[in-house]
């Protein structure tokens, strides 16, 4: 396994929609490398476009930092239902280091996906896990957190991000 370089915004790959995966088993090595990269970053989710691969694949583990692993590999995920109720949470992004944004999203989401063996699954995610699923799904659609906030919040966040980049070079 390998830790992969994570693309940083405004890399054009982060605003390009990803393509479906024809054979889920063909991405097993990439999925393992993405998990290793996510844990090393350290993050709770990572989408294939963030490592420069424009396919519909993301990995996540929302509980590992609390000591319990619940890793998930999602091949060709589809959001099949969303709650009408909204929840606002602070979101960071491994591709936009140094910035956390308050993002309003549906409070729960039903996700369907295939695993690496091609078996289809469906599950409801709530709370932080729901936000994480939607965040990673956004990456597959070519969206980042900057695209989920008001123009004023975006401008302030971009300024914060640029300052962060200047101070970390």
Protein backbone atom coordinates (compact mmCIF):
# COMPACT_ATOMS: atom_id res chain seq x y z
CA UNK A 1 0.00 0.00 0.00
CA UNK A 2 1.04 3.58 -0.56
CA UNK A 3 0.24 7.07 0.66
CA UNK A 4 -0.85 9.03 -2.40
CA UNK A 5 -0.43 12.78 -2.98
CA UNK A 6 -3.67 14.67 -2.35
CA UNK A 7 -4.64 17.28 -4.93
CA UNK A 8 -5.13 20.78 -3.55
CA UNK A 9 -7.78 23.25 -4.63
CA UNK A 10 -7.95 24.86 -7.23
CA UNK A 11 -6.61 21.82 -9.13
CA UNK A 12 -9.03 21.40 -12.09
CA UNK A 13 -9.52 17.70 -11.33
CA UNK A 14 -11.46 18.75 -8.21
CA UNK A 15 -14.09 20.49 -10.35
CA UNK A 16 -14.46 17.67 -12.90
CA UNK A 17 -17.23 15.07 -12.51
CA UNK A 18 -15.95 11.50 -12.10
CA UNK A 19 -16.78 8.56 -14.39
CA UNK A 20 -18.51 5.33 -13.30
CA UNK A 21 -16.37 2.26 -12.63
CA UNK A 22 -17.11 -0.70 -14.94
CA UNK A 23 -15.43 -3.40 -12.82
CA UNK A 24 -15.33 -2.71 -9.05
CA UNK A 25 -12.60 -5.29 -8.35
CA UNK A 26 -10.18 -3.40 -10.60
CA UNK A 27 -9.92 -0.57 -8.06
CA UNK A 28 -9.01 -2.65 -4.99
CA UNK A 29 -5.39 -1.46 -4.87
CA UNK A 30 -6.45 2.16 -5.35
CA UNK A 31 -9.07 1.82 -2.58
CA UNK A 32 -6.47 0.40 -0.16
CA UNK A 33 -4.04 3.20 -1.05
CA UNK A 34 -6.80 5.76 -0.56
CA UNK A 35 -7.58 4.36 2.90
CA UNK A 36 -3.90 4.53 3.85
CA UNK A 37 -3.74 8.08 2.49
CA UNK A 38 -6.89 9.11 4.39
CA UNK A 39 -5.61 7.73 7.70
CA UNK A 40 -2.17 9.33 7.18
CA UNK A 41 -3.64 12.76 6.28
CA UNK A 42 -5.43 12.35 8.87
CA UNK A 43 -8.96 12.54 7.49
CA UNK A 44 -12.29 10.78 7.73
CA UNK A 45 -13.06 10.53 4.02
CA UNK A 46 -11.30 10.68 0.67
CA UNK A 47 -12.63 10.60 -2.89
CA UNK A 48 -10.71 9.33 -5.91
CA UNK A 49 -10.64 12.76 -7.61
CA UNK A 50 -8.71 14.06 -4.59
CA UNK A 51 -5.85 11.75 -5.56
CA UNK A 52 -6.19 12.65 -9.25
CA UNK A 53 -8.28 9.67 -10.40
CA UNK A 54 -11.58 10.68 -12.01
CA UNK A 55 -13.66 7.63 -11.07
CA UNK A 56 -16.69 7.26 -8.79
CA UNK A 57 -14.98 5.88 -5.70
CA UNK A 58 -14.69 7.15 -2.17
CA UNK A 59 -13.56 5.77 1.16
CA UNK A 60 -14.55 6.90 4.62
CA UNK A 61 -14.21 6.03 8.27
CA UNK A 62 -15.98 8.55 10.47
CA UNK A 63 -15.22 6.89 13.81
CA UNK A 64 -11.55 5.87 13.67
CA UNK A 65 -10.31 8.96 15.49
CA UNK A 66 -12.45 7.92 18.47
CA UNK A 67 -10.83 4.46 18.46
CA UNK A 68 -13.42 2.40 16.57
CA UNK A 69 -12.92 1.65 12.90
CA UNK A 70 -15.93 1.59 10.59
CA UNK A 71 -14.31 1.84 7.19
CA UNK A 72 -16.35 1.94 4.05
CA UNK A 73 -15.35 1.66 0.39
CA UNK A 74 -18.04 3.02 -1.94
CA UNK A 75 -17.86 2.16 -5.64
CA UNK A 76 -20.33 3.97 -7.92
CA UNK A 77 -22.32 5.46 -5.03
CA UNK A 78 -25.77 6.97 -5.57
CA UNK A 79 -27.71 9.11 -3.14
CA UNK A 80 -31.20 7.61 -3.28
CA UNK A 81 -32.95 9.71 -0.61
CA UNK A 82 -32.30 12.86 1.45
CA UNK A 83 -34.05 14.27 4.48
CA UNK A 84 -35.95 17.53 4.18
CA UNK A 85 -34.49 18.54 7.55
CA UNK A 86 -31.16 20.33 7.27
CA UNK A 87 -28.19 20.18 9.63
CA UNK A 88 -25.24 22.58 9.67
CA UNK A 89 -21.82 21.20 10.55
CA UNK A 90 -18.25 22.40 10.38
CA UNK A 91 -16.48 20.69 7.49
CA UNK A 92 -12.81 20.51 6.64
CA UNK A 93 -11.38 19.06 3.45
CA UNK A 94 -8.07 17.34 2.77
CA UNK A 95 -7.90 19.25 -0.53
CA UNK A 96 -8.49 22.62 1.17
CA UNK A 97 -6.21 22.48 4.20
CA UNK A 98 -6.52 25.16 6.86
CA UNK A 99 -10.20 25.95 6.19
CA UNK A 100 -13.32 24.78 8.02
CA UNK A 101 -16.69 25.91 6.74
CA UNK A 102 -20.17 25.72 8.21
CA UNK A 103 -22.09 23.75 5.58
CA UNK A 104 -25.84 23.07 5.65
CA UNK A 105 -26.79 19.65 4.29
CA UNK A 106 -29.68 17.20 4.65
CA UNK A 107 -29.61 15.68 8.16
CA UNK A 108 -29.71 12.11 6.81
CA UNK A 109 -29.01 10.46 3.49
CA UNK A 110 -29.70 7.02 2.03
CA UNK A 111 -26.73 5.85 -0.02
CA UNK A 112 -26.53 2.90 -2.43
CA UNK A 113 -23.09 1.67 -3.53
CA UNK A 114 -21.17 -1.39 -4.64
CA UNK A 115 -18.34 -2.91 -2.64
CA UNK A 116 -15.10 -4.14 -4.22
CA UNK A 117 -16.73 -7.49 -5.05
CA UNK A 118 -19.54 -5.75 -6.94
CA UNK A 119 -22.19 -6.45 -4.28
CA UNK A 120 -24.72 -3.63 -4.03
CA UNK A 121 -25.51 -2.16 -0.59
CA UNK A 122 -27.83 0.51 0.74
CA UNK A 123 -27.71 2.25 4.12
CA UNK A 124 -28.99 5.35 5.88
CA UNK A 125 -26.37 7.69 7.30
CA UNK A 126 -27.18 10.31 9.92
CA UNK A 127 -25.34 13.12 11.70
CA UNK A 128 -21.64 13.48 10.98
CA UNK A 129 -21.60 10.34 8.81
CA UNK A 130 -24.33 11.85 6.60
CA UNK A 131 -22.29 15.02 6.16
CA UNK A 132 -19.19 12.97 5.32
CA UNK A 133 -21.06 10.89 2.70
CA UNK A 134 -22.41 14.05 1.07
CA UNK A 135 -19.01 15.77 1.20
CA UNK A 136 -17.28 12.83 -0.54
CA UNK A 137 -20.16 12.45 -3.00
CA UNK A 138 -19.73 16.14 -3.87
CA UNK A 139 -16.12 15.41 -4.87
CA UNK A 140 -17.40 12.81 -7.35
CA UNK A 141 -19.70 15.48 -8.81
CA UNK A 142 -16.86 18.01 -9.14
CA UNK A 143 -17.88 20.13 -6.15
CA UNK A 144 -15.94 21.28 -3.07
CA UNK A 145 -17.09 22.92 0.16
CA UNK A 146 -16.49 26.38 -1.34
CA UNK A 147 -19.38 25.57 -3.71
CA UNK A 148 -21.76 24.93 -0.77
CA UNK A 149 -21.59 28.33 0.94
CA UNK A 150 -22.69 31.89 0.18
CA UNK A 151 -20.50 34.09 -2.04
CA UNK A 152 -19.42 36.14 1.00
CA UNK A 153 -18.50 33.03 3.01
CA UNK A 154 -16.68 31.63 -0.01
CA UNK A 155 -14.64 34.82 -0.49
CA UNK A 156 -13.64 34.85 3.19
CA UNK A 157 -12.76 31.12 3.09
CA UNK A 158 -10.67 31.50 -0.07
CA UNK A 159 -8.76 34.37 1.60
CA UNK A 160 -8.15 32.17 4.67
CA UNK A 161 -7.00 29.33 2.42
CA UNK A 162 -4.60 31.58 0.48
CA UNK A 163 -3.14 32.86 3.78
CA UNK A 164 -2.75 29.27 4.98
CA UNK A 165 -0.92 28.33 1.78
CA UNK A 166 1.43 31.31 2.10
CA UNK A 167 2.32 30.47 5.68
CA UNK A 168 2.95 26.77 5.00
CA UNK A 169 5.28 27.14 2.02
